[in-house]
N, C-alpha and C. Protein backbone atom coordinates (compact mmCIF):
# COMPACT_ATOMS: atom_id res chain seq x y z
N MET A 1 0.85 -1.19 0.00
CA MET A 1 0.00 0.00 0.00
C MET A 1 0.89 1.24 0.00
N ASN A 2 0.50 2.23 -0.80
CA ASN A 2 1.29 3.45 -0.93
C ASN A 2 0.35 4.66 -0.83
N PRO A 3 0.00 5.09 0.39
CA PRO A 3 -0.92 6.22 0.52
C PRO A 3 -0.37 7.48 -0.15
N HIS A 4 -1.28 8.30 -0.66
CA HIS A 4 -0.90 9.56 -1.31
C HIS A 4 -1.20 10.77 -0.43
N HIS A 5 -2.00 10.58 0.61
CA HIS A 5 -2.33 11.68 1.53
C HIS A 5 -1.87 11.28 2.93
N HIS A 6 -1.12 12.17 3.57
CA HIS A 6 -0.42 11.83 4.80
C HIS A 6 -0.79 12.77 5.95
N LEU A 7 -0.28 12.45 7.13
CA LEU A 7 -0.48 13.29 8.31
C LEU A 7 0.26 14.62 8.14
N ASP A 8 -0.37 15.69 8.61
CA ASP A 8 0.27 17.00 8.60
C ASP A 8 1.48 16.98 9.55
N PRO A 9 2.56 17.73 9.23
CA PRO A 9 3.72 17.73 10.13
C PRO A 9 3.37 18.07 11.58
N SER A 10 2.43 18.99 11.80
CA SER A 10 2.07 19.33 13.18
C SER A 10 1.42 18.15 13.88
N THR A 11 0.66 17.35 13.15
CA THR A 11 0.06 16.15 13.73
C THR A 11 1.13 15.12 14.05
N VAL A 12 2.12 14.99 13.17
CA VAL A 12 3.23 14.07 13.41
C VAL A 12 3.95 14.43 14.71
N VAL A 13 4.27 15.73 14.88
CA VAL A 13 4.97 16.17 16.08
C VAL A 13 4.13 15.93 17.33
N SER A 14 2.85 16.27 17.26
CA SER A 14 1.97 16.07 18.42
C SER A 14 1.81 14.60 18.75
N TYR A 15 1.74 13.75 17.72
CA TYR A 15 1.64 12.31 17.97
C TYR A 15 2.91 11.81 18.65
N ALA A 16 4.06 12.22 18.13
CA ALA A 16 5.34 11.78 18.71
C ALA A 16 5.48 12.24 20.16
N ALA A 17 4.90 13.40 20.47
CA ALA A 17 4.98 13.95 21.83
C ALA A 17 3.88 13.43 22.74
N GLY A 18 2.95 12.63 22.20
CA GLY A 18 1.83 12.15 23.00
C GLY A 18 0.84 13.24 23.36
N ALA A 19 0.73 14.25 22.48
CA ALA A 19 -0.08 15.44 22.81
C ALA A 19 -1.40 15.49 22.05
N LEU A 20 -1.73 14.49 21.25
CA LEU A 20 -2.98 14.51 20.50
C LEU A 20 -4.15 14.09 21.40
N ALA A 21 -5.33 14.62 21.09
CA ALA A 21 -6.54 14.11 21.74
C ALA A 21 -6.68 12.62 21.46
N VAL A 22 -7.31 11.90 22.39
CA VAL A 22 -7.39 10.44 22.29
C VAL A 22 -7.94 10.01 20.94
N GLU A 23 -9.06 10.62 20.52
CA GLU A 23 -9.70 10.20 19.27
C GLU A 23 -8.80 10.42 18.07
N VAL A 24 -8.13 11.56 18.04
CA VAL A 24 -7.25 11.90 16.93
C VAL A 24 -6.05 10.95 16.91
N ALA A 25 -5.52 10.62 18.09
CA ALA A 25 -4.38 9.71 18.17
C ALA A 25 -4.75 8.32 17.65
N ILE A 26 -5.98 7.88 17.88
CA ILE A 26 -6.41 6.56 17.41
C ILE A 26 -6.43 6.52 15.89
N VAL A 27 -6.96 7.57 15.27
CA VAL A 27 -7.00 7.61 13.80
C VAL A 27 -5.59 7.74 13.24
N ALA A 28 -4.75 8.55 13.89
CA ALA A 28 -3.36 8.67 13.45
C ALA A 28 -2.65 7.33 13.52
N ALA A 29 -2.87 6.58 14.59
CA ALA A 29 -2.26 5.25 14.73
C ALA A 29 -2.76 4.30 13.65
N THR A 30 -4.03 4.44 13.27
CA THR A 30 -4.58 3.61 12.20
C THR A 30 -3.87 3.91 10.88
N HIS A 31 -3.61 5.18 10.62
CA HIS A 31 -2.87 5.53 9.40
C HIS A 31 -1.43 5.01 9.47
N LEU A 32 -0.79 5.16 10.61
CA LEU A 32 0.60 4.75 10.75
C LEU A 32 0.78 3.25 10.58
N GLU A 33 -0.27 2.48 10.85
CA GLU A 33 -0.17 1.03 10.73
C GLU A 33 0.19 0.60 9.30
N THR A 34 -0.20 1.40 8.32
CA THR A 34 0.04 1.01 6.93
C THR A 34 0.89 2.00 6.15
N CYS A 35 1.32 3.11 6.77
CA CYS A 35 2.04 4.15 6.03
C CYS A 35 3.49 4.24 6.51
N ALA A 36 4.41 3.67 5.74
CA ALA A 36 5.83 3.71 6.10
C ALA A 36 6.37 5.13 6.09
N HIS A 37 5.85 5.96 5.17
CA HIS A 37 6.31 7.35 5.08
C HIS A 37 6.06 8.10 6.38
N CYS A 38 4.84 8.00 6.91
CA CYS A 38 4.52 8.73 8.14
C CYS A 38 5.17 8.08 9.36
N ARG A 39 5.36 6.76 9.36
CA ARG A 39 6.10 6.14 10.46
C ARG A 39 7.52 6.68 10.53
N ALA A 40 8.16 6.86 9.35
CA ALA A 40 9.51 7.41 9.34
C ALA A 40 9.54 8.84 9.87
N ARG A 41 8.49 9.61 9.56
CA ARG A 41 8.43 10.99 10.05
C ARG A 41 8.21 11.03 11.56
N VAL A 42 7.40 10.11 12.10
CA VAL A 42 7.22 10.04 13.55
C VAL A 42 8.54 9.66 14.22
N ASP A 43 9.22 8.66 13.65
CA ASP A 43 10.53 8.26 14.20
C ASP A 43 11.50 9.44 14.20
N GLU A 44 11.50 10.21 13.12
CA GLU A 44 12.38 11.36 13.02
C GLU A 44 12.01 12.42 14.05
N ALA A 45 10.71 12.67 14.22
CA ALA A 45 10.27 13.65 15.22
C ALA A 45 10.67 13.23 16.63
N GLU A 46 10.53 11.94 16.92
CA GLU A 46 10.92 11.45 18.25
C GLU A 46 12.43 11.58 18.45
N ARG A 47 13.21 11.26 17.41
CA ARG A 47 14.65 11.32 17.52
C ARG A 47 15.13 12.77 17.69
N VAL A 48 14.61 13.66 16.83
CA VAL A 48 15.02 15.07 16.91
C VAL A 48 14.54 15.69 18.21
N GLY A 49 13.32 15.38 18.60
CA GLY A 49 12.80 15.92 19.86
C GLY A 49 13.63 15.49 21.05
N GLY A 50 14.04 14.22 21.05
CA GLY A 50 14.89 13.74 22.13
C GLY A 50 16.22 14.45 22.17
N GLN A 51 16.81 14.68 20.99
CA GLN A 51 18.09 15.38 20.94
C GLN A 51 17.95 16.81 21.45
N LEU A 52 16.88 17.48 21.03
CA LEU A 52 16.69 18.88 21.45
C LEU A 52 16.47 18.98 22.95
N VAL A 53 15.70 18.06 23.50
CA VAL A 53 15.46 18.10 24.95
C VAL A 53 16.75 17.84 25.71
N GLU A 54 17.57 16.91 25.22
CA GLU A 54 18.84 16.61 25.88
C GLU A 54 19.77 17.81 25.89
N GLN A 55 19.64 18.67 24.89
CA GLN A 55 20.51 19.84 24.80
C GLN A 55 20.10 20.96 25.76
N GLN A 56 18.90 20.85 26.33
CA GLN A 56 18.43 21.88 27.23
C GLN A 56 19.04 21.70 28.62
N GLN A 57 19.02 22.79 29.41
CA GLN A 57 19.49 22.73 30.78
C GLN A 57 18.50 21.93 31.63
N PRO A 58 18.95 21.37 32.74
CA PRO A 58 18.05 20.59 33.60
C PRO A 58 16.89 21.39 34.15
N ALA A 59 16.99 22.73 34.15
CA ALA A 59 15.91 23.54 34.70
C ALA A 59 14.62 23.31 33.95
N ALA A 60 13.50 23.62 34.58
CA ALA A 60 12.19 23.43 33.96
C ALA A 60 12.12 24.19 32.63
N VAL A 61 11.48 23.54 31.65
CA VAL A 61 11.34 24.14 30.32
C VAL A 61 10.08 25.00 30.32
N ASP A 62 10.21 26.30 30.01
CA ASP A 62 9.04 27.16 30.01
C ASP A 62 8.30 27.08 28.68
N ALA A 63 7.16 27.79 28.60
CA ALA A 63 6.29 27.70 27.43
C ALA A 63 7.00 28.19 26.18
N ALA A 64 7.78 29.27 26.29
CA ALA A 64 8.48 29.80 25.12
C ALA A 64 9.50 28.80 24.59
N ARG A 65 10.20 28.12 25.49
CA ARG A 65 11.20 27.15 25.06
C ARG A 65 10.51 25.95 24.40
N LEU A 66 9.38 25.51 24.97
CA LEU A 66 8.64 24.42 24.35
C LEU A 66 8.20 24.79 22.94
N ALA A 67 7.75 26.04 22.77
CA ALA A 67 7.34 26.50 21.44
C ALA A 67 8.52 26.47 20.49
N GLY A 68 9.70 26.86 20.99
CA GLY A 68 10.89 26.82 20.15
C GLY A 68 11.28 25.40 19.76
N LEU A 69 11.16 24.46 20.70
CA LEU A 69 11.45 23.06 20.40
C LEU A 69 10.51 22.54 19.32
N ARG A 70 9.23 22.86 19.46
CA ARG A 70 8.26 22.40 18.47
C ARG A 70 8.58 22.97 17.09
N ALA A 71 8.91 24.26 17.02
CA ALA A 71 9.24 24.88 15.74
C ALA A 71 10.47 24.23 15.12
N SER A 72 11.44 23.89 15.95
CA SER A 72 12.65 23.25 15.44
C SER A 72 12.36 21.89 14.85
N ILE A 73 11.49 21.13 15.53
CA ILE A 73 11.15 19.79 15.02
C ILE A 73 10.39 19.90 13.71
N LEU A 74 9.44 20.84 13.63
CA LEU A 74 8.68 21.03 12.39
C LEU A 74 9.61 21.40 11.24
N GLU A 75 10.61 22.25 11.53
CA GLU A 75 11.57 22.63 10.49
C GLU A 75 12.36 21.43 10.01
N ARG A 76 12.75 20.57 10.94
CA ARG A 76 13.51 19.38 10.56
C ARG A 76 12.65 18.41 9.75
N LEU A 77 11.36 18.35 10.07
CA LEU A 77 10.47 17.43 9.35
C LEU A 77 10.26 17.86 7.90
N ASP A 78 10.48 19.12 7.60
CA ASP A 78 10.36 19.59 6.22
C ASP A 78 11.52 19.10 5.36
N GLU A 79 12.59 18.64 6.00
CA GLU A 79 13.73 18.11 5.26
C GLU A 79 13.44 16.67 4.84
N PRO A 80 13.91 16.23 3.66
CA PRO A 80 13.69 14.84 3.24
C PRO A 80 14.32 13.88 4.24
N PRO A 81 13.58 12.83 4.64
CA PRO A 81 14.15 11.87 5.58
C PRO A 81 15.29 11.08 4.96
N ALA A 82 16.23 10.67 5.80
CA ALA A 82 17.33 9.85 5.31
C ALA A 82 16.80 8.50 4.87
N PRO A 83 17.40 7.90 3.84
CA PRO A 83 16.95 6.58 3.39
C PRO A 83 17.02 5.57 4.53
N ALA A 84 15.99 4.75 4.60
CA ALA A 84 15.93 3.74 5.67
C ALA A 84 15.69 2.38 5.05
N ALA A 85 16.05 1.38 5.82
CA ALA A 85 15.81 0.01 5.35
C ALA A 85 14.32 -0.22 5.23
N ALA A 86 13.95 -1.01 4.26
CA ALA A 86 12.53 -1.29 4.04
C ALA A 86 11.92 -1.96 5.25
N ALA A 87 10.79 -1.43 5.70
CA ALA A 87 10.10 -2.00 6.85
C ALA A 87 9.15 -3.10 6.38
N PRO A 88 8.83 -4.03 7.27
CA PRO A 88 7.87 -5.07 6.90
C PRO A 88 6.53 -4.46 6.53
N SER A 89 5.86 -5.03 5.57
CA SER A 89 4.57 -4.53 5.14
C SER A 89 3.56 -4.64 6.27
N ARG A 90 2.72 -3.60 6.41
CA ARG A 90 1.68 -3.63 7.43
C ARG A 90 0.32 -3.43 6.78
N ALA A 91 0.16 -3.87 5.56
CA ALA A 91 -1.08 -3.63 4.83
C ALA A 91 -2.14 -4.67 5.10
N ALA A 92 -1.86 -5.62 6.00
CA ALA A 92 -2.79 -6.72 6.22
C ALA A 92 -4.22 -6.29 6.54
N PRO A 93 -4.44 -5.23 7.41
CA PRO A 93 -5.82 -4.87 7.72
C PRO A 93 -6.63 -4.47 6.49
N TYR A 94 -5.97 -4.04 5.42
CA TYR A 94 -6.69 -3.62 4.22
C TYR A 94 -6.80 -4.75 3.21
N GLU A 95 -5.99 -5.79 3.38
CA GLU A 95 -6.06 -6.93 2.48
C GLU A 95 -6.99 -8.01 3.02
N ASP A 96 -7.12 -8.09 4.34
CA ASP A 96 -7.99 -9.06 4.98
C ASP A 96 -9.44 -8.60 4.82
N ASP A 97 -10.30 -9.46 4.33
CA ASP A 97 -11.68 -9.07 4.06
C ASP A 97 -12.46 -8.70 5.32
N ASP A 98 -12.04 -9.19 6.49
CA ASP A 98 -12.89 -9.03 7.66
C ASP A 98 -12.22 -8.35 8.85
N ARG A 99 -10.91 -8.13 8.85
CA ARG A 99 -10.24 -7.63 10.05
C ARG A 99 -10.08 -6.11 10.02
N LEU A 100 -10.60 -5.46 11.05
CA LEU A 100 -10.40 -4.02 11.22
C LEU A 100 -8.95 -3.75 11.61
N PRO A 101 -8.42 -2.56 11.32
CA PRO A 101 -7.07 -2.21 11.77
C PRO A 101 -6.94 -2.33 13.28
N THR A 102 -5.78 -2.75 13.74
CA THR A 102 -5.55 -3.04 15.16
C THR A 102 -5.88 -1.88 16.08
N PRO A 103 -5.53 -0.61 15.78
CA PRO A 103 -5.84 0.47 16.73
C PRO A 103 -7.34 0.67 16.99
N LEU A 104 -8.19 0.10 16.14
CA LEU A 104 -9.64 0.28 16.30
C LEU A 104 -10.29 -0.85 17.10
N HIS A 105 -9.55 -1.91 17.41
CA HIS A 105 -10.17 -3.09 18.02
C HIS A 105 -10.83 -2.79 19.35
N ALA A 106 -10.20 -1.96 20.18
CA ALA A 106 -10.76 -1.69 21.52
C ALA A 106 -12.04 -0.87 21.45
N TYR A 107 -12.31 -0.26 20.31
CA TYR A 107 -13.45 0.66 20.20
C TYR A 107 -14.56 0.12 19.31
N PHE A 108 -14.21 -0.71 18.32
CA PHE A 108 -15.21 -1.20 17.37
C PHE A 108 -15.17 -2.72 17.19
N GLY A 109 -14.26 -3.40 17.86
CA GLY A 109 -14.12 -4.84 17.66
C GLY A 109 -13.14 -5.14 16.54
N THR A 110 -13.02 -6.40 16.20
CA THR A 110 -12.01 -6.83 15.23
C THR A 110 -12.57 -7.12 13.85
N SER A 111 -13.89 -7.25 13.73
CA SER A 111 -14.49 -7.78 12.51
C SER A 111 -15.41 -6.77 11.83
N TYR A 112 -15.23 -6.57 10.53
CA TYR A 112 -16.17 -5.77 9.76
C TYR A 112 -17.57 -6.39 9.79
N ARG A 113 -17.62 -7.70 9.64
CA ARG A 113 -18.93 -8.37 9.54
C ARG A 113 -19.74 -8.26 10.83
N ALA A 114 -19.06 -8.09 11.95
CA ALA A 114 -19.75 -7.99 13.24
C ALA A 114 -20.20 -6.57 13.58
N LEU A 115 -19.85 -5.59 12.75
CA LEU A 115 -20.23 -4.21 13.05
C LEU A 115 -21.74 -4.03 13.01
N LYS A 116 -22.27 -3.29 13.95
CA LYS A 116 -23.70 -3.03 14.04
C LYS A 116 -23.94 -1.56 13.65
N TRP A 117 -24.14 -1.35 12.36
CA TRP A 117 -24.29 0.00 11.83
C TRP A 117 -25.64 0.60 12.23
N ARG A 118 -25.64 1.89 12.47
CA ARG A 118 -26.87 2.63 12.76
C ARG A 118 -27.12 3.62 11.64
N TRP A 119 -28.38 3.69 11.22
CA TRP A 119 -28.77 4.62 10.16
C TRP A 119 -28.54 6.06 10.63
N MET A 120 -27.96 6.86 9.76
CA MET A 120 -27.70 8.25 10.10
C MET A 120 -28.42 9.20 9.13
N ALA A 121 -28.42 8.85 7.87
CA ALA A 121 -29.06 9.63 6.80
C ALA A 121 -29.18 8.69 5.61
N PRO A 122 -29.96 9.05 4.60
CA PRO A 122 -30.06 8.17 3.43
C PRO A 122 -28.68 7.84 2.86
N GLY A 123 -28.35 6.55 2.84
CA GLY A 123 -27.07 6.10 2.31
C GLY A 123 -25.90 6.25 3.26
N VAL A 124 -26.15 6.71 4.48
CA VAL A 124 -25.07 6.93 5.44
C VAL A 124 -25.37 6.19 6.74
N HIS A 125 -24.41 5.36 7.20
CA HIS A 125 -24.54 4.66 8.47
C HIS A 125 -23.31 4.96 9.32
N CYS A 126 -23.47 4.80 10.63
CA CYS A 126 -22.44 5.27 11.55
C CYS A 126 -22.37 4.38 12.78
N ILE A 127 -21.18 4.28 13.37
CA ILE A 127 -21.00 3.70 14.70
C ILE A 127 -20.14 4.69 15.49
N ARG A 128 -20.62 5.08 16.64
CA ARG A 128 -19.91 6.05 17.47
C ARG A 128 -19.27 5.31 18.65
N ALA A 129 -17.95 5.45 18.81
CA ALA A 129 -17.26 4.84 19.94
C ALA A 129 -17.67 5.55 21.22
N ALA A 130 -17.89 4.76 22.28
CA ALA A 130 -18.39 5.34 23.52
C ALA A 130 -17.30 5.60 24.55
N ASN A 131 -16.18 4.90 24.47
CA ASN A 131 -15.19 4.94 25.56
C ASN A 131 -13.92 5.69 25.16
N THR A 132 -14.11 6.92 24.65
CA THR A 132 -12.95 7.74 24.30
C THR A 132 -12.96 9.01 25.14
N GLY A 133 -12.39 10.09 24.64
CA GLY A 133 -12.30 11.34 25.39
C GLY A 133 -13.47 12.26 25.13
N LYS A 134 -13.19 13.57 25.07
CA LYS A 134 -14.24 14.57 24.94
C LYS A 134 -14.72 14.75 23.50
N GLY A 135 -13.92 14.33 22.52
CA GLY A 135 -14.31 14.46 21.13
C GLY A 135 -15.14 13.28 20.66
N SER A 136 -15.18 13.10 19.34
CA SER A 136 -15.96 12.01 18.74
C SER A 136 -15.04 11.11 17.91
N LEU A 137 -15.25 9.80 18.03
CA LEU A 137 -14.58 8.82 17.20
C LEU A 137 -15.66 8.00 16.51
N LEU A 138 -15.68 8.05 15.17
CA LEU A 138 -16.78 7.48 14.40
C LEU A 138 -16.27 6.56 13.31
N LEU A 139 -16.99 5.47 13.11
CA LEU A 139 -16.89 4.71 11.87
C LEU A 139 -18.05 5.14 11.00
N LEU A 140 -17.77 5.47 9.76
CA LEU A 140 -18.80 5.90 8.82
C LEU A 140 -18.81 4.98 7.61
N LYS A 141 -19.99 4.62 7.18
CA LYS A 141 -20.16 3.87 5.93
C LYS A 141 -21.09 4.67 5.04
N ILE A 142 -20.54 5.16 3.92
CA ILE A 142 -21.28 6.04 3.01
C ILE A 142 -21.45 5.31 1.69
N GLY A 143 -22.68 5.20 1.23
CA GLY A 143 -22.99 4.47 0.01
C GLY A 143 -22.28 5.03 -1.21
N PRO A 144 -22.12 4.22 -2.24
CA PRO A 144 -21.43 4.67 -3.46
C PRO A 144 -22.17 5.81 -4.14
N GLY A 145 -21.40 6.75 -4.66
CA GLY A 145 -21.97 7.86 -5.42
C GLY A 145 -22.76 8.85 -4.60
N ARG A 146 -22.47 8.95 -3.31
CA ARG A 146 -23.19 9.86 -2.42
C ARG A 146 -22.40 11.14 -2.19
N SER A 147 -23.11 12.26 -2.13
CA SER A 147 -22.49 13.54 -1.80
C SER A 147 -22.82 13.89 -0.36
N MET A 148 -21.80 14.15 0.42
CA MET A 148 -22.00 14.61 1.79
C MET A 148 -22.26 16.12 1.78
N PRO A 149 -22.90 16.66 2.83
CA PRO A 149 -23.12 18.10 2.87
C PRO A 149 -21.80 18.88 2.89
N VAL A 150 -21.79 20.04 2.28
CA VAL A 150 -20.64 20.94 2.38
C VAL A 150 -20.47 21.31 3.86
N HIS A 151 -19.23 21.23 4.34
CA HIS A 151 -18.99 21.57 5.74
C HIS A 151 -17.55 22.01 5.95
N SER A 152 -17.34 22.72 7.03
CA SER A 152 -16.00 23.05 7.53
C SER A 152 -15.93 22.49 8.94
N HIS A 153 -14.91 22.90 9.69
CA HIS A 153 -14.62 22.24 10.95
C HIS A 153 -14.40 23.25 12.07
N GLY A 154 -15.00 22.96 13.22
CA GLY A 154 -14.77 23.81 14.37
C GLY A 154 -13.41 23.59 14.99
N GLY A 155 -12.76 22.50 14.63
CA GLY A 155 -11.43 22.16 15.14
C GLY A 155 -10.75 21.22 14.16
N THR A 156 -10.25 20.10 14.68
CA THR A 156 -9.56 19.11 13.87
C THR A 156 -10.52 18.02 13.39
N GLU A 157 -10.38 17.63 12.13
CA GLU A 157 -11.01 16.40 11.63
C GLU A 157 -9.90 15.55 11.02
N LEU A 158 -9.74 14.34 11.53
CA LEU A 158 -8.76 13.41 10.98
C LEU A 158 -9.52 12.17 10.53
N THR A 159 -9.47 11.88 9.24
CA THR A 159 -10.25 10.78 8.66
C THR A 159 -9.34 9.85 7.89
N GLN A 160 -9.40 8.56 8.22
CA GLN A 160 -8.63 7.53 7.53
C GLN A 160 -9.57 6.68 6.69
N ILE A 161 -9.25 6.51 5.41
CA ILE A 161 -10.08 5.70 4.52
C ILE A 161 -9.69 4.23 4.70
N LEU A 162 -10.70 3.39 4.95
CA LEU A 162 -10.47 1.96 5.14
C LEU A 162 -10.89 1.16 3.92
N ARG A 163 -12.01 1.51 3.32
CA ARG A 163 -12.52 0.83 2.13
C ARG A 163 -13.20 1.86 1.23
N GLY A 164 -13.29 1.54 -0.06
CA GLY A 164 -13.92 2.46 -0.99
C GLY A 164 -13.05 3.71 -1.16
N ALA A 165 -13.67 4.79 -1.61
CA ALA A 165 -12.92 6.02 -1.86
C ALA A 165 -13.89 7.18 -1.99
N TYR A 166 -13.36 8.38 -1.86
CA TYR A 166 -14.13 9.59 -2.14
C TYR A 166 -13.21 10.63 -2.75
N HIS A 167 -13.81 11.66 -3.32
CA HIS A 167 -13.04 12.78 -3.81
C HIS A 167 -13.69 14.08 -3.37
N ASP A 168 -12.88 15.11 -3.25
CA ASP A 168 -13.36 16.44 -2.94
C ASP A 168 -12.36 17.44 -3.53
N ALA A 169 -12.45 18.70 -3.13
CA ALA A 169 -11.57 19.71 -3.70
C ALA A 169 -10.10 19.46 -3.35
N LEU A 170 -9.84 18.63 -2.36
CA LEU A 170 -8.47 18.34 -1.94
C LEU A 170 -7.85 17.17 -2.70
N GLY A 171 -8.68 16.42 -3.44
CA GLY A 171 -8.13 15.31 -4.22
C GLY A 171 -8.93 14.04 -4.06
N HIS A 172 -8.30 12.93 -4.44
CA HIS A 172 -8.91 11.59 -4.39
C HIS A 172 -8.34 10.85 -3.19
N PHE A 173 -9.22 10.33 -2.34
CA PHE A 173 -8.82 9.64 -1.12
C PHE A 173 -9.26 8.18 -1.20
N ALA A 174 -8.28 7.27 -1.17
CA ALA A 174 -8.51 5.84 -1.31
C ALA A 174 -8.00 5.13 -0.05
N PRO A 175 -8.19 3.79 0.07
CA PRO A 175 -7.74 3.08 1.27
C PRO A 175 -6.28 3.36 1.61
N GLY A 176 -6.04 3.69 2.89
CA GLY A 176 -4.70 4.04 3.35
C GLY A 176 -4.48 5.54 3.43
N ASP A 177 -5.25 6.33 2.68
CA ASP A 177 -5.09 7.78 2.71
C ASP A 177 -5.74 8.35 3.97
N VAL A 178 -5.19 9.47 4.44
CA VAL A 178 -5.75 10.17 5.59
C VAL A 178 -6.02 11.62 5.18
N ALA A 179 -7.16 12.15 5.62
CA ALA A 179 -7.49 13.57 5.43
C ALA A 179 -7.28 14.26 6.77
N ASP A 180 -6.27 15.12 6.83
CA ASP A 180 -5.90 15.83 8.06
C ASP A 180 -6.32 17.28 7.89
N LEU A 181 -7.48 17.64 8.45
CA LEU A 181 -8.13 18.92 8.15
C LEU A 181 -8.27 19.77 9.40
N ASP A 182 -8.26 21.09 9.18
CA ASP A 182 -8.45 22.02 10.29
C ASP A 182 -9.60 22.97 9.97
N SER A 183 -9.74 24.02 10.78
CA SER A 183 -10.89 24.91 10.65
C SER A 183 -10.85 25.78 9.39
N ASP A 184 -9.73 25.79 8.68
CA ASP A 184 -9.63 26.59 7.45
C ASP A 184 -10.18 25.86 6.22
N VAL A 185 -10.49 24.58 6.36
CA VAL A 185 -10.89 23.77 5.20
C VAL A 185 -12.40 23.63 5.14
N GLU A 186 -12.97 23.91 3.97
CA GLU A 186 -14.38 23.61 3.69
C GLU A 186 -14.40 22.67 2.49
N HIS A 187 -15.14 21.57 2.61
CA HIS A 187 -15.14 20.60 1.51
C HIS A 187 -16.47 19.84 1.47
N GLN A 188 -16.63 19.08 0.40
CA GLN A 188 -17.83 18.26 0.20
C GLN A 188 -17.39 16.91 -0.37
N PRO A 189 -17.16 15.90 0.48
CA PRO A 189 -16.77 14.59 -0.02
C PRO A 189 -17.88 13.95 -0.85
N VAL A 190 -17.47 13.34 -1.96
CA VAL A 190 -18.39 12.59 -2.83
C VAL A 190 -17.79 11.21 -3.03
N THR A 191 -18.49 10.17 -2.62
CA THR A 191 -17.96 8.82 -2.73
C THR A 191 -18.00 8.34 -4.18
N VAL A 192 -17.05 7.48 -4.52
CA VAL A 192 -16.96 6.98 -5.89
C VAL A 192 -18.03 5.92 -6.11
N PRO A 193 -18.45 5.71 -7.35
CA PRO A 193 -19.45 4.67 -7.64
C PRO A 193 -18.87 3.28 -7.40
N GLY A 194 -19.76 2.33 -7.17
CA GLY A 194 -19.37 0.94 -7.17
C GLY A 194 -19.28 0.28 -5.82
N THR A 195 -18.80 0.97 -4.80
CA THR A 195 -18.67 0.35 -3.48
C THR A 195 -18.79 1.42 -2.40
N ALA A 196 -19.30 1.01 -1.25
CA ALA A 196 -19.43 1.94 -0.14
C ALA A 196 -18.06 2.38 0.36
N CYS A 197 -17.98 3.58 0.87
CA CYS A 197 -16.76 4.11 1.47
C CYS A 197 -16.87 3.96 2.99
N ILE A 198 -15.92 3.23 3.57
CA ILE A 198 -15.86 3.07 5.02
C ILE A 198 -14.63 3.81 5.51
N CYS A 199 -14.82 4.66 6.50
CA CYS A 199 -13.71 5.42 7.05
C CYS A 199 -13.88 5.57 8.55
N VAL A 200 -12.79 5.86 9.23
CA VAL A 200 -12.83 6.18 10.65
C VAL A 200 -12.43 7.64 10.78
N SER A 201 -13.20 8.37 11.59
CA SER A 201 -13.02 9.82 11.67
C SER A 201 -13.00 10.26 13.12
N ALA A 202 -12.09 11.19 13.43
CA ALA A 202 -12.01 11.79 14.76
C ALA A 202 -12.31 13.28 14.64
N LEU A 203 -13.15 13.77 15.54
CA LEU A 203 -13.50 15.20 15.59
C LEU A 203 -13.26 15.68 17.01
N ASP A 204 -12.57 16.82 17.15
CA ASP A 204 -12.42 17.39 18.49
C ASP A 204 -13.32 18.60 18.70
N ALA A 205 -14.16 18.91 17.71
CA ALA A 205 -15.15 19.99 17.82
C ALA A 205 -16.23 19.73 16.78
N PRO A 206 -17.43 20.27 16.95
CA PRO A 206 -18.50 20.05 15.98
C PRO A 206 -18.16 20.58 14.59
N LEU A 207 -18.73 19.94 13.57
CA LEU A 207 -18.61 20.43 12.21
C LEU A 207 -19.42 21.72 12.05
N ARG A 208 -19.11 22.45 10.97
CA ARG A 208 -19.85 23.66 10.64
C ARG A 208 -20.49 23.49 9.28
N PHE A 209 -21.80 23.66 9.20
CA PHE A 209 -22.54 23.48 7.96
C PHE A 209 -23.09 24.83 7.49
N PRO A 210 -22.76 25.27 6.28
CA PRO A 210 -23.33 26.52 5.78
C PRO A 210 -24.81 26.39 5.40
N GLY A 211 -25.26 25.18 5.05
CA GLY A 211 -26.64 24.97 4.65
C GLY A 211 -27.58 24.89 5.84
N TRP A 212 -28.74 25.53 5.74
CA TRP A 212 -29.65 25.58 6.88
C TRP A 212 -30.21 24.21 7.23
N PHE A 213 -30.46 23.35 6.22
CA PHE A 213 -31.05 22.05 6.49
C PHE A 213 -30.10 21.17 7.29
N ALA A 214 -28.82 21.15 6.88
CA ALA A 214 -27.83 20.36 7.61
C ALA A 214 -27.66 20.88 9.03
N ARG A 215 -27.72 22.21 9.20
CA ARG A 215 -27.60 22.78 10.54
C ARG A 215 -28.77 22.35 11.42
N LYS A 216 -29.97 22.25 10.85
CA LYS A 216 -31.13 21.82 11.61
C LYS A 216 -30.97 20.38 12.09
N LEU A 217 -30.35 19.53 11.26
CA LEU A 217 -30.21 18.12 11.60
C LEU A 217 -28.99 17.85 12.47
N GLN A 218 -28.09 18.80 12.59
CA GLN A 218 -26.83 18.57 13.30
C GLN A 218 -27.03 18.10 14.73
N PRO A 219 -27.94 18.68 15.53
CA PRO A 219 -28.11 18.17 16.90
C PRO A 219 -28.54 16.71 16.94
N LEU A 220 -29.30 16.27 15.95
CA LEU A 220 -29.74 14.88 15.90
C LEU A 220 -28.58 13.94 15.65
N PHE A 221 -27.69 14.34 14.74
CA PHE A 221 -26.56 13.49 14.39
C PHE A 221 -25.36 13.65 15.32
N LYS A 222 -25.36 14.71 16.15
CA LYS A 222 -24.29 14.96 17.11
C LYS A 222 -22.93 15.05 16.43
N LEU A 223 -22.86 15.82 15.36
CA LEU A 223 -21.61 16.03 14.64
C LEU A 223 -21.24 17.51 14.63
């Protein structure tokens, strides 16, 4: 598997530092399970972060210094990573017809066939994880050829494609790809014909819908 859409550098740094919200970290881990490129970037962030911390004085690190450390790591991540030995393939969750990716097992179980989907809208079904943090962790199944409402984000939306595909103004997203979006992005995903799109999505704030009808339904869907 060779994903074309990856984690944002700021997400990589926050993941390496253990600073992501629980829901976002779960989706990031799901992407990392099959993306060697992003695993290498996390390894680099951890290595550089460790070196930078070691260079600091033993005294407590204040907020300004932490901000400087983060900026330094982000700058280093913009540099091409050094060549590394090929890692073992981790594409099994996408090749196995029934096994969900390992980071999702504690929240949704291990089997696609055992999932108990709930109707959300015509052509859209959902499962909401109950035992996470303050945000939302969702499995979504969207029928083929469906257009989702235009929306933006009150905070972070991190979505990993598991099956099927969709496209929007940002490009084509297929299995293994991740959409790492913030409050500046407005988009309208449209699933490709032929097969349902299954994805796992983390939200740390409610979505924003410009259309009045979607806004009216938002409290019902809790998105």
